[in-house]
Amino acid sequence: MRYLRSLSLSLFIATSAIAGTIGIDPLSTAIGTNSGFVLQVTGSAFTESLVGGGFDLSFDAGLLTLNSVSIAGIWNFAPSPGTIGAGSLTNASFNVFPGSITGNFPIATLSFTSKVIGGNSAVALLPSSLFPLADTSGNVVTPNFVAGSVQVTAAGAGVPEPSTYLMVGLSLIISMVFRKLTVTAY
């Protein structure tokens, strides 16, 4: 009997430790001010057969604006982009029916715009309280949630456009011609 309890406890611990990861891709990105960019929410290394779930998201509203959320097409049953707020996304949900999903897979595409000021913002994924991840048996699956980060940088001087070189060159030629004309006139 003691052996069976030990075996069942070790099986429980082993099965709860194999949950996959839900993360932001890319994990870190740098973007200029007033620029649009996209982050992906992905699942990886899931051995469980998932039928769906949800996530929440938080970020610095002073640096970023979340414009839209698009749930990946593999989640074909009643997907919801959730509710976008200032610095948050709540209860984005994804489900598949019939069937299930394992392994590595896309979950959602997040479209952001950076604001005028620069700085760093974590983009933290959190479990949804309304839509926990579940497997085909209806068991709650608890994955690792991995946050990303966005660095918003002010636009630098950059490289001049070719028209700038043309204007500078034309100005030099005109000034040399004007100088030559004024020197020969005296």
N, C-alpha and C. Protein backbone atom coordinates (compact mmCIF):
# COMPACT_ATOMS: atom_id res chain seq x y z
N MET A 1 0.83 -1.19 0.00
CA MET A 1 0.00 0.00 0.00
C MET A 1 0.88 1.26 0.00
N ARG A 2 1.91 1.23 0.81
CA ARG A 2 2.82 2.36 0.87
C ARG A 2 3.49 2.58 -0.49
N TYR A 3 3.81 1.49 -1.17
CA TYR A 3 4.42 1.57 -2.48
C TYR A 3 3.47 2.25 -3.48
N LEU A 4 2.18 1.91 -3.42
CA LEU A 4 1.20 2.50 -4.34
C LEU A 4 1.03 4.00 -4.10
N ARG A 5 1.01 4.40 -2.81
CA ARG A 5 0.91 5.83 -2.52
C ARG A 5 2.13 6.58 -3.03
N SER A 6 3.29 6.01 -2.85
CA SER A 6 4.52 6.63 -3.32
C SER A 6 4.52 6.71 -4.85
N LEU A 7 4.07 5.65 -5.51
CA LEU A 7 4.02 5.63 -6.96
C LEU A 7 3.02 6.66 -7.49
N SER A 8 1.84 6.73 -6.89
CA SER A 8 0.84 7.69 -7.36
C SER A 8 1.30 9.13 -7.11
N LEU A 9 1.97 9.39 -5.99
CA LEU A 9 2.48 10.72 -5.72
C LEU A 9 3.56 11.10 -6.73
N SER A 10 4.45 10.17 -7.05
CA SER A 10 5.50 10.48 -8.02
C SER A 10 4.93 10.67 -9.42
N LEU A 11 3.89 9.93 -9.78
CA LEU A 11 3.24 10.13 -11.08
C LEU A 11 2.56 11.49 -11.13
N PHE A 12 1.92 11.91 -10.05
CA PHE A 12 1.27 13.22 -9.99
C PHE A 12 2.29 14.34 -10.16
N ILE A 13 3.40 14.22 -9.46
CA ILE A 13 4.45 15.23 -9.55
C ILE A 13 5.03 15.26 -10.96
N ALA A 14 5.24 14.11 -11.57
CA ALA A 14 5.81 14.04 -12.91
C ALA A 14 4.86 14.65 -13.93
N THR A 15 3.56 14.37 -13.82
CA THR A 15 2.63 14.90 -14.82
C THR A 15 2.42 16.40 -14.64
N SER A 16 2.50 16.92 -13.45
CA SER A 16 2.32 18.36 -13.29
C SER A 16 3.57 19.13 -13.71
N ALA A 17 4.70 18.48 -13.83
CA ALA A 17 5.94 19.16 -14.18
C ALA A 17 6.15 19.24 -15.69
N ILE A 18 5.33 18.57 -16.50
CA ILE A 18 5.59 18.54 -17.93
C ILE A 18 4.82 19.60 -18.72
N ALA A 19 4.15 20.51 -18.04
CA ALA A 19 3.41 21.55 -18.74
C ALA A 19 4.35 22.38 -19.59
N GLY A 20 3.85 22.86 -20.73
CA GLY A 20 4.65 23.64 -21.65
C GLY A 20 4.80 25.10 -21.22
N THR A 21 5.13 25.92 -22.19
CA THR A 21 5.40 27.34 -21.95
C THR A 21 4.56 28.19 -22.89
N ILE A 22 4.02 29.27 -22.36
CA ILE A 22 3.37 30.29 -23.19
C ILE A 22 4.22 31.53 -23.05
N GLY A 23 4.67 32.06 -24.20
CA GLY A 23 5.60 33.19 -24.15
C GLY A 23 5.39 34.19 -25.27
N ILE A 24 6.15 35.27 -25.19
CA ILE A 24 6.15 36.35 -26.17
C ILE A 24 7.29 36.11 -27.15
N ASP A 25 7.03 36.30 -28.43
CA ASP A 25 8.05 36.14 -29.45
C ASP A 25 8.07 37.39 -30.32
N PRO A 26 9.16 38.10 -30.44
CA PRO A 26 10.44 37.85 -29.79
C PRO A 26 10.43 38.24 -28.32
N LEU A 27 11.32 37.62 -27.55
CA LEU A 27 11.38 37.90 -26.11
C LEU A 27 11.76 39.34 -25.83
N SER A 28 12.61 39.90 -26.68
CA SER A 28 13.06 41.27 -26.49
C SER A 28 13.10 41.96 -27.85
N THR A 29 12.61 43.18 -27.90
CA THR A 29 12.64 43.93 -29.15
C THR A 29 12.89 45.41 -28.87
N ALA A 30 13.54 46.06 -29.81
CA ALA A 30 13.78 47.51 -29.72
C ALA A 30 13.03 48.17 -30.86
N ILE A 31 12.37 49.27 -30.55
CA ILE A 31 11.53 49.96 -31.53
C ILE A 31 11.69 51.46 -31.33
N GLY A 32 11.54 52.23 -32.39
CA GLY A 32 11.60 53.68 -32.29
C GLY A 32 10.27 54.23 -31.77
N THR A 33 10.26 55.50 -31.43
CA THR A 33 9.03 56.14 -30.95
C THR A 33 8.03 56.27 -32.10
N ASN A 34 6.76 56.28 -31.76
CA ASN A 34 5.67 56.41 -32.74
C ASN A 34 5.74 55.37 -33.84
N SER A 35 6.08 54.14 -33.49
CA SER A 35 6.22 53.08 -34.49
C SER A 35 5.29 51.93 -34.17
N GLY A 36 4.77 51.31 -35.21
CA GLY A 36 3.95 50.12 -35.04
C GLY A 36 4.83 48.88 -35.05
N PHE A 37 4.46 47.89 -34.28
CA PHE A 37 5.19 46.63 -34.25
C PHE A 37 4.27 45.51 -33.79
N VAL A 38 4.70 44.27 -34.02
CA VAL A 38 3.89 43.10 -33.72
C VAL A 38 4.66 42.16 -32.81
N LEU A 39 3.98 41.61 -31.82
CA LEU A 39 4.51 40.54 -30.98
C LEU A 39 3.60 39.33 -31.12
N GLN A 40 4.19 38.14 -31.04
CA GLN A 40 3.42 36.90 -31.13
C GLN A 40 3.33 36.26 -29.74
N VAL A 41 2.18 35.69 -29.45
CA VAL A 41 2.03 34.85 -28.26
C VAL A 41 2.07 33.41 -28.77
N THR A 42 2.99 32.61 -28.24
CA THR A 42 3.17 31.25 -28.73
C THR A 42 3.16 30.26 -27.57
N GLY A 43 2.82 29.03 -27.91
CA GLY A 43 2.92 27.91 -26.97
C GLY A 43 4.04 27.00 -27.43
N SER A 44 4.78 26.44 -26.49
CA SER A 44 5.86 25.53 -26.88
C SER A 44 6.01 24.41 -25.86
N ALA A 45 6.46 23.27 -26.38
CA ALA A 45 6.79 22.08 -25.59
C ALA A 45 5.61 21.54 -24.78
N PHE A 46 4.40 21.61 -25.34
CA PHE A 46 3.23 21.04 -24.66
C PHE A 46 3.10 19.57 -25.01
N THR A 47 3.14 18.72 -24.00
CA THR A 47 2.90 17.30 -24.22
C THR A 47 1.43 16.97 -23.98
N GLU A 48 0.73 17.86 -23.27
CA GLU A 48 -0.69 17.67 -23.04
C GLU A 48 -1.45 17.99 -24.32
N SER A 49 -2.60 17.37 -24.51
CA SER A 49 -3.46 17.66 -25.65
C SER A 49 -4.40 18.79 -25.24
N LEU A 50 -4.07 20.00 -25.62
CA LEU A 50 -4.85 21.17 -25.21
C LEU A 50 -6.08 21.35 -26.08
N VAL A 51 -7.19 21.76 -25.44
CA VAL A 51 -8.39 22.11 -26.18
C VAL A 51 -8.66 23.61 -26.12
N GLY A 52 -7.92 24.32 -25.28
CA GLY A 52 -8.08 25.76 -25.23
C GLY A 52 -7.71 26.36 -23.91
N GLY A 53 -7.94 27.66 -23.81
CA GLY A 53 -7.62 28.38 -22.59
C GLY A 53 -7.63 29.87 -22.86
N GLY A 54 -6.89 30.60 -22.06
CA GLY A 54 -6.85 32.04 -22.22
C GLY A 54 -5.64 32.64 -21.53
N PHE A 55 -5.48 33.95 -21.72
CA PHE A 55 -4.37 34.65 -21.07
C PHE A 55 -4.76 36.10 -20.87
N ASP A 56 -4.06 36.74 -19.94
CA ASP A 56 -4.14 38.17 -19.71
C ASP A 56 -2.76 38.73 -20.04
N LEU A 57 -2.67 40.03 -20.20
CA LEU A 57 -1.43 40.67 -20.58
C LEU A 57 -1.34 42.01 -19.87
N SER A 58 -0.13 42.38 -19.44
CA SER A 58 0.07 43.72 -18.88
C SER A 58 1.33 44.33 -19.50
N PHE A 59 1.32 45.65 -19.63
CA PHE A 59 2.44 46.38 -20.21
C PHE A 59 2.36 47.83 -19.74
N ASP A 60 3.40 48.61 -20.01
CA ASP A 60 3.45 50.01 -19.58
C ASP A 60 2.64 50.87 -20.55
N ALA A 61 1.49 51.37 -20.10
CA ALA A 61 0.62 52.19 -20.94
C ALA A 61 1.24 53.54 -21.27
N GLY A 62 2.25 53.96 -20.52
CA GLY A 62 2.95 55.20 -20.83
C GLY A 62 3.85 55.08 -22.04
N LEU A 63 4.23 53.84 -22.40
CA LEU A 63 5.13 53.62 -23.53
C LEU A 63 4.46 52.95 -24.72
N LEU A 64 3.45 52.12 -24.46
CA LEU A 64 2.86 51.30 -25.52
C LEU A 64 1.34 51.41 -25.54
N THR A 65 0.78 51.26 -26.74
CA THR A 65 -0.66 51.15 -26.93
C THR A 65 -0.93 49.85 -27.66
N LEU A 66 -1.80 49.01 -27.11
CA LEU A 66 -2.20 47.77 -27.78
C LEU A 66 -3.37 48.12 -28.70
N ASN A 67 -3.17 47.94 -30.00
CA ASN A 67 -4.18 48.31 -30.99
C ASN A 67 -5.15 47.18 -31.29
N SER A 68 -4.63 45.96 -31.43
CA SER A 68 -5.50 44.84 -31.78
C SER A 68 -4.89 43.52 -31.36
N VAL A 69 -5.77 42.53 -31.24
CA VAL A 69 -5.37 41.16 -30.90
C VAL A 69 -6.04 40.25 -31.91
N SER A 70 -5.26 39.37 -32.51
CA SER A 70 -5.80 38.42 -33.47
C SER A 70 -5.43 37.00 -33.02
N ILE A 71 -6.43 36.19 -32.73
CA ILE A 71 -6.19 34.81 -32.30
C ILE A 71 -5.84 33.98 -33.54
N ALA A 72 -4.83 33.11 -33.43
CA ALA A 72 -4.36 32.30 -34.56
C ALA A 72 -5.48 31.40 -35.09
N GLY A 73 -5.46 31.16 -36.39
CA GLY A 73 -6.50 30.41 -37.06
C GLY A 73 -6.67 28.96 -36.62
N ILE A 74 -5.64 28.37 -36.00
CA ILE A 74 -5.78 26.97 -35.56
C ILE A 74 -6.79 26.84 -34.42
N TRP A 75 -7.05 27.93 -33.74
CA TRP A 75 -8.02 27.96 -32.65
C TRP A 75 -9.38 28.35 -33.25
N ASN A 76 -10.09 27.35 -33.75
CA ASN A 76 -11.25 27.58 -34.60
C ASN A 76 -12.59 27.66 -33.88
N PHE A 77 -12.62 27.47 -32.58
CA PHE A 77 -13.90 27.41 -31.88
C PHE A 77 -14.02 28.58 -30.91
N ALA A 78 -14.85 29.55 -31.23
CA ALA A 78 -15.18 30.70 -30.37
C ALA A 78 -13.95 31.43 -29.81
N PRO A 79 -12.99 31.82 -30.69
CA PRO A 79 -11.86 32.61 -30.17
C PRO A 79 -12.32 34.01 -29.80
N SER A 80 -11.67 34.58 -28.80
CA SER A 80 -12.01 35.94 -28.38
C SER A 80 -10.73 36.74 -28.16
N PRO A 81 -10.64 37.95 -28.75
CA PRO A 81 -9.45 38.78 -28.55
C PRO A 81 -9.38 39.41 -27.17
N GLY A 82 -10.39 39.20 -26.33
CA GLY A 82 -10.37 39.76 -24.99
C GLY A 82 -10.73 41.23 -24.97
N THR A 83 -10.46 41.86 -23.84
CA THR A 83 -10.79 43.27 -23.65
C THR A 83 -9.49 44.05 -23.48
N ILE A 84 -9.28 45.03 -24.38
CA ILE A 84 -8.08 45.86 -24.33
C ILE A 84 -8.34 47.05 -23.43
N GLY A 85 -7.44 47.27 -22.48
CA GLY A 85 -7.50 48.43 -21.60
C GLY A 85 -6.18 49.18 -21.65
N ALA A 86 -6.08 50.25 -20.90
CA ALA A 86 -4.82 51.00 -20.83
C ALA A 86 -3.81 50.15 -20.06
N GLY A 87 -2.82 49.64 -20.75
CA GLY A 87 -1.78 48.83 -20.11
C GLY A 87 -2.19 47.40 -19.84
N SER A 88 -3.30 46.94 -20.43
CA SER A 88 -3.72 45.57 -20.15
C SER A 88 -4.55 44.96 -21.27
N LEU A 89 -4.60 43.66 -21.25
CA LEU A 89 -5.50 42.86 -22.06
C LEU A 89 -6.03 41.79 -21.12
N THR A 90 -7.34 41.64 -21.05
CA THR A 90 -7.90 40.63 -20.16
C THR A 90 -8.75 39.63 -20.94
N ASN A 91 -8.64 38.39 -20.53
CA ASN A 91 -9.48 37.29 -21.00
C ASN A 91 -9.49 37.07 -22.50
N ALA A 92 -8.31 37.12 -23.13
CA ALA A 92 -8.19 36.66 -24.51
C ALA A 92 -8.30 35.14 -24.44
N SER A 93 -9.16 34.54 -25.27
CA SER A 93 -9.35 33.09 -25.17
C SER A 93 -9.23 32.43 -26.53
N PHE A 94 -8.86 31.15 -26.51
CA PHE A 94 -8.64 30.38 -27.72
C PHE A 94 -9.08 28.94 -27.45
N ASN A 95 -9.76 28.34 -28.42
CA ASN A 95 -10.27 26.98 -28.27
C ASN A 95 -10.26 26.28 -29.61
N VAL A 96 -10.19 24.96 -29.58
CA VAL A 96 -10.24 24.16 -30.79
C VAL A 96 -11.31 23.08 -30.61
N PHE A 97 -12.10 22.87 -31.66
CA PHE A 97 -13.10 21.81 -31.63
C PHE A 97 -13.42 21.42 -33.06
N PRO A 98 -13.43 20.18 -33.42
CA PRO A 98 -12.99 19.03 -32.62
C PRO A 98 -11.46 18.93 -32.63
N GLY A 99 -10.93 18.11 -31.79
CA GLY A 99 -9.50 17.85 -31.75
C GLY A 99 -8.81 18.52 -30.59
N SER A 100 -7.49 18.54 -30.69
CA SER A 100 -6.65 19.14 -29.66
C SER A 100 -5.32 19.54 -30.29
N ILE A 101 -4.54 20.29 -29.55
CA ILE A 101 -3.26 20.81 -30.04
C ILE A 101 -2.16 20.39 -29.05
N THR A 102 -1.02 19.95 -29.58
CA THR A 102 0.16 19.64 -28.75
C THR A 102 1.39 20.26 -29.39
N GLY A 103 2.50 20.21 -28.68
CA GLY A 103 3.78 20.66 -29.23
C GLY A 103 3.95 22.17 -29.20
N ASN A 104 4.39 22.72 -30.34
CA ASN A 104 4.64 24.16 -30.49
C ASN A 104 3.56 24.73 -31.40
N PHE A 105 3.02 25.89 -31.05
CA PHE A 105 1.90 26.43 -31.83
C PHE A 105 1.74 27.93 -31.60
N PRO A 106 1.16 28.63 -32.59
CA PRO A 106 0.85 30.05 -32.41
C PRO A 106 -0.44 30.19 -31.61
N ILE A 107 -0.54 31.26 -30.84
CA ILE A 107 -1.77 31.54 -30.09
C ILE A 107 -2.40 32.83 -30.57
N ALA A 108 -1.61 33.92 -30.60
CA ALA A 108 -2.20 35.21 -30.97
C ALA A 108 -1.13 36.14 -31.51
N THR A 109 -1.59 37.15 -32.26
CA THR A 109 -0.75 38.23 -32.74
C THR A 109 -1.22 39.51 -32.07
N LEU A 110 -0.28 40.23 -31.46
CA LEU A 110 -0.57 41.48 -30.75
C LEU A 110 0.03 42.64 -31.54
N SER A 111 -0.80 43.59 -31.96
CA SER A 111 -0.31 44.75 -32.71
C SER A 111 -0.25 45.96 -31.78
N PHE A 112 0.94 46.51 -31.62
CA PHE A 112 1.19 47.64 -30.73
C PHE A 112 1.63 48.87 -31.52
N THR A 113 1.56 50.03 -30.86
CA THR A 113 2.20 51.26 -31.32
C THR A 113 2.97 51.82 -30.12
N SER A 114 4.22 52.22 -30.39
CA SER A 114 5.00 52.86 -29.33
C SER A 114 4.60 54.33 -29.25
N LYS A 115 4.80 54.91 -28.09
CA LYS A 115 4.43 56.32 -27.89
C LYS A 115 5.65 57.22 -28.09
N VAL A 116 5.47 58.50 -27.83
CA VAL A 116 6.50 59.50 -28.12
C VAL A 116 7.71 59.37 -27.21
N ILE A 117 7.52 58.98 -25.97
CA ILE A 117 8.64 58.91 -25.04
C ILE A 117 9.34 57.56 -25.13
N GLY A 118 10.59 57.53 -24.71
CA GLY A 118 11.36 56.29 -24.73
C GLY A 118 11.39 55.65 -23.35
N GLY A 119 11.79 54.39 -23.32
CA GLY A 119 11.92 53.65 -22.07
C GLY A 119 11.76 52.15 -22.31
N ASN A 120 11.69 51.39 -21.24
CA ASN A 120 11.54 49.95 -21.32
C ASN A 120 10.22 49.52 -20.72
N SER A 121 9.57 48.56 -21.36
CA SER A 121 8.32 48.01 -20.85
C SER A 121 8.36 46.50 -20.88
N ALA A 122 8.03 45.88 -19.76
CA ALA A 122 7.80 44.44 -19.75
C ALA A 122 6.46 44.19 -20.42
N VAL A 123 6.34 43.08 -21.12
CA VAL A 123 5.08 42.63 -21.69
C VAL A 123 4.83 41.29 -21.02
N ALA A 124 4.05 41.33 -19.93
CA ALA A 124 3.89 40.17 -19.06
C ALA A 124 2.63 39.39 -19.39
N LEU A 125 2.78 38.10 -19.63
CA LEU A 125 1.66 37.20 -19.83
C LEU A 125 1.24 36.63 -18.49
N LEU A 126 -0.06 36.53 -18.28
CA LEU A 126 -0.61 36.02 -17.03
C LEU A 126 -1.73 35.04 -17.35
N PRO A 127 -2.00 34.10 -16.46
CA PRO A 127 -3.13 33.19 -16.72
C PRO A 127 -4.45 33.94 -16.61
N SER A 128 -5.41 33.57 -17.44
CA SER A 128 -6.74 34.16 -17.38
C SER A 128 -7.53 33.50 -16.27
N SER A 129 -8.19 34.28 -15.44
CA SER A 129 -9.00 33.71 -14.37
C SER A 129 -10.29 33.09 -14.91
N LEU A 130 -10.77 33.58 -16.05
CA LEU A 130 -12.01 33.04 -16.63
C LEU A 130 -11.78 31.85 -17.56
N PHE A 131 -10.61 31.78 -18.20
CA PHE A 131 -10.35 30.75 -19.19
C PHE A 131 -9.04 30.01 -18.91
N PRO A 132 -9.01 29.13 -17.92
CA PRO A 132 -7.77 28.37 -17.66
C PRO A 132 -7.50 27.40 -18.81
N LEU A 133 -6.23 27.12 -19.07
CA LEU A 133 -5.88 26.13 -20.08
C LEU A 133 -6.38 24.77 -19.64
N ALA A 134 -6.90 24.00 -20.59
CA ALA A 134 -7.45 22.68 -20.25
C ALA A 134 -7.03 21.66 -21.30
N ASP A 135 -6.91 20.39 -20.86
CA ASP A 135 -6.61 19.31 -21.78
C ASP A 135 -7.91 18.59 -22.18
N THR A 136 -7.79 17.54 -22.96
CA THR A 136 -8.96 16.84 -23.49
C THR A 136 -9.78 16.15 -22.40
N SER A 137 -9.19 15.92 -21.24
CA SER A 137 -9.93 15.31 -20.12
C SER A 137 -10.58 16.36 -19.22
N GLY A 138 -10.41 17.62 -19.56
CA GLY A 138 -10.98 18.70 -18.74
C GLY A 138 -10.10 19.09 -17.57
N ASN A 139 -8.90 18.58 -17.52
CA ASN A 139 -7.96 18.94 -16.44
C ASN A 139 -7.33 20.30 -16.73
N VAL A 140 -7.16 21.09 -15.70
CA VAL A 140 -6.49 22.38 -15.84
C VAL A 140 -5.00 22.13 -16.05
N VAL A 141 -4.44 22.80 -17.04
CA VAL A 141 -3.02 22.70 -17.36
C VAL A 141 -2.38 24.02 -16.94
N THR A 142 -1.30 23.94 -16.17
CA THR A 142 -0.63 25.14 -15.68
C THR A 142 0.72 25.28 -16.37
N PRO A 143 0.79 26.11 -17.41
CA PRO A 143 2.07 26.29 -18.11
C PRO A 143 2.95 27.32 -17.43
N ASN A 144 4.17 27.43 -17.90
CA ASN A 144 5.05 28.53 -17.50
C ASN A 144 4.71 29.70 -18.41
N PHE A 145 4.51 30.87 -17.84
CA PHE A 145 4.27 32.08 -18.61
C PHE A 145 5.56 32.88 -18.65
N VAL A 146 6.03 33.22 -19.86
CA VAL A 146 7.30 33.92 -20.03
C VAL A 146 7.02 35.31 -20.61
N ALA A 147 7.47 36.33 -19.90
CA ALA A 147 7.27 37.72 -20.31
C ALA A 147 8.29 38.12 -21.37
N GLY A 148 7.93 39.12 -22.14
CA GLY A 148 8.85 39.73 -23.09
C GLY A 148 9.16 41.14 -22.65
N SER A 149 9.99 41.83 -23.43
CA SER A 149 10.27 43.24 -23.12
C SER A 149 10.41 44.03 -24.40
N VAL A 150 10.03 45.29 -24.31
CA VAL A 150 10.12 46.21 -25.45
C VAL A 150 10.89 47.43 -25.00
N GLN A 151 11.92 47.79 -25.77
CA GLN A 151 12.68 49.01 -25.51
C GLN A 151 12.28 50.02 -26.57
N VAL A 152 11.72 51.14 -26.13
CA VAL A 152 11.34 52.22 -27.04
C VAL A 152 12.45 53.25 -27.01
N THR A 153 13.06 53.52 -28.18
CA THR A 153 14.18 54.46 -28.25
C THR A 153 13.80 55.64 -29.14
N ALA A 154 14.29 56.82 -28.77
CA ALA A 154 14.05 58.02 -29.58
C ALA A 154 14.82 57.88 -30.89
N ALA A 155 14.25 58.38 -31.95
CA ALA A 155 14.89 58.29 -33.26
C ALA A 155 16.18 59.08 -33.25
N GLY A 156 17.24 58.49 -33.78
CA GLY A 156 18.54 59.15 -33.84
C GLY A 156 18.67 59.99 -35.09
N ALA A 157 19.86 60.55 -35.29
CA ALA A 157 20.10 61.38 -36.46
C ALA A 157 19.97 60.56 -37.74
N GLY A 158 20.42 59.33 -37.71
CA GLY A 158 20.27 58.47 -38.87
C GLY A 158 21.19 58.86 -40.01
N VAL A 159 20.99 58.22 -41.14
CA VAL A 159 21.77 58.47 -42.35
C VAL A 159 21.00 59.44 -43.23
N PRO A 160 21.64 60.47 -43.74
CA PRO A 160 20.93 61.42 -44.59
C PRO A 160 20.40 60.75 -45.87
N GLU A 161 19.31 61.27 -46.37
CA GLU A 161 18.75 60.76 -47.62
C GLU A 161 19.61 61.22 -48.79
N PRO A 162 19.55 60.54 -49.93
CA PRO A 162 20.34 60.97 -51.10
C PRO A 162 20.03 62.40 -51.55
N SER A 163 18.80 62.83 -51.38
CA SER A 163 18.46 64.20 -51.78
C SER A 163 19.22 65.23 -50.94
N THR A 164 19.55 64.88 -49.70
CA THR A 164 20.33 65.78 -48.86
C THR A 164 21.72 65.97 -49.45
N TYR A 165 22.35 64.86 -49.88
CA TYR A 165 23.66 64.94 -50.52
C TYR A 165 23.59 65.78 -51.80
N LEU A 166 22.55 65.62 -52.56
CA LEU A 166 22.36 66.39 -53.79
C LEU A 166 22.29 67.89 -53.48
N MET A 167 21.51 68.26 -52.46
CA MET A 167 21.36 69.68 -52.09
C MET A 167 22.69 70.27 -51.62
N VAL A 168 23.43 69.52 -50.81
CA VAL A 168 24.73 70.01 -50.32
C VAL A 168 25.70 70.18 -51.49
N GLY A 169 25.75 69.19 -52.38
CA GLY A 169 26.64 69.27 -53.55
C GLY A 169 26.28 70.42 -54.46
N LEU A 170 25.00 70.61 -54.71
CA LEU A 170 24.54 71.71 -55.55
C LEU A 170 24.87 73.05 -54.91
N SER A 171 24.73 73.17 -53.62
CA SER A 171 25.07 74.41 -52.90
C SER A 171 26.55 74.72 -53.03
N LEU A 172 27.40 73.71 -52.92
CA LEU A 172 28.85 73.93 -53.06
C LEU A 172 29.20 74.38 -54.46
N ILE A 173 28.59 73.76 -55.46
CA ILE A 173 28.88 74.14 -56.85
C ILE A 173 28.45 75.58 -57.10
N ILE A 174 27.26 75.95 -56.66
CA ILE A 174 26.76 77.32 -56.85
C ILE A 174 27.65 78.32 -56.13
N SER A 175 28.08 78.00 -54.91
CA SER A 175 28.94 78.94 -54.18
C SER A 175 30.31 79.08 -54.85
N MET A 176 30.84 77.98 -55.43
CA MET A 176 32.12 78.08 -56.14
C MET A 176 31.98 78.92 -57.41
N VAL A 177 30.89 78.74 -58.14
CA VAL A 177 30.65 79.52 -59.35
C VAL A 177 30.47 80.99 -58.99
N PHE A 178 29.69 81.27 -57.98
CA PHE A 178 29.47 82.64 -57.53
C PHE A 178 30.77 83.29 -57.11
N ARG A 179 31.62 82.55 -56.38
CA ARG A 179 32.91 83.07 -55.93
C ARG A 179 33.81 83.37 -57.12
N LYS A 180 33.82 82.46 -58.11
CA LYS A 180 34.66 82.66 -59.29
C LYS A 180 34.19 83.89 -60.07
N LEU A 181 32.87 84.08 -60.15
CA LEU A 181 32.37 85.25 -60.86
C LEU A 181 32.71 86.54 -60.13
N THR A 182 32.65 86.55 -58.82
CA THR A 182 32.97 87.75 -58.06
C THR A 182 34.46 88.02 -58.07
N VAL A 183 35.31 87.03 -58.13
CA VAL A 183 36.76 87.21 -58.15
C VAL A 183 37.18 87.74 -59.51
N THR A 184 36.62 87.23 -60.62
CA THR A 184 37.00 87.68 -61.96
C THR A 184 36.42 89.06 -62.28
N ALA A 185 35.38 89.48 -61.60
CA ALA A 185 34.78 90.79 -61.83
C ALA A 185 35.69 91.88 -61.28
N TYR A 186 36.52 91.61 -60.32
CA TYR A 186 37.42 92.62 -59.73
C TYR A 186 38.74 92.53 -60.34
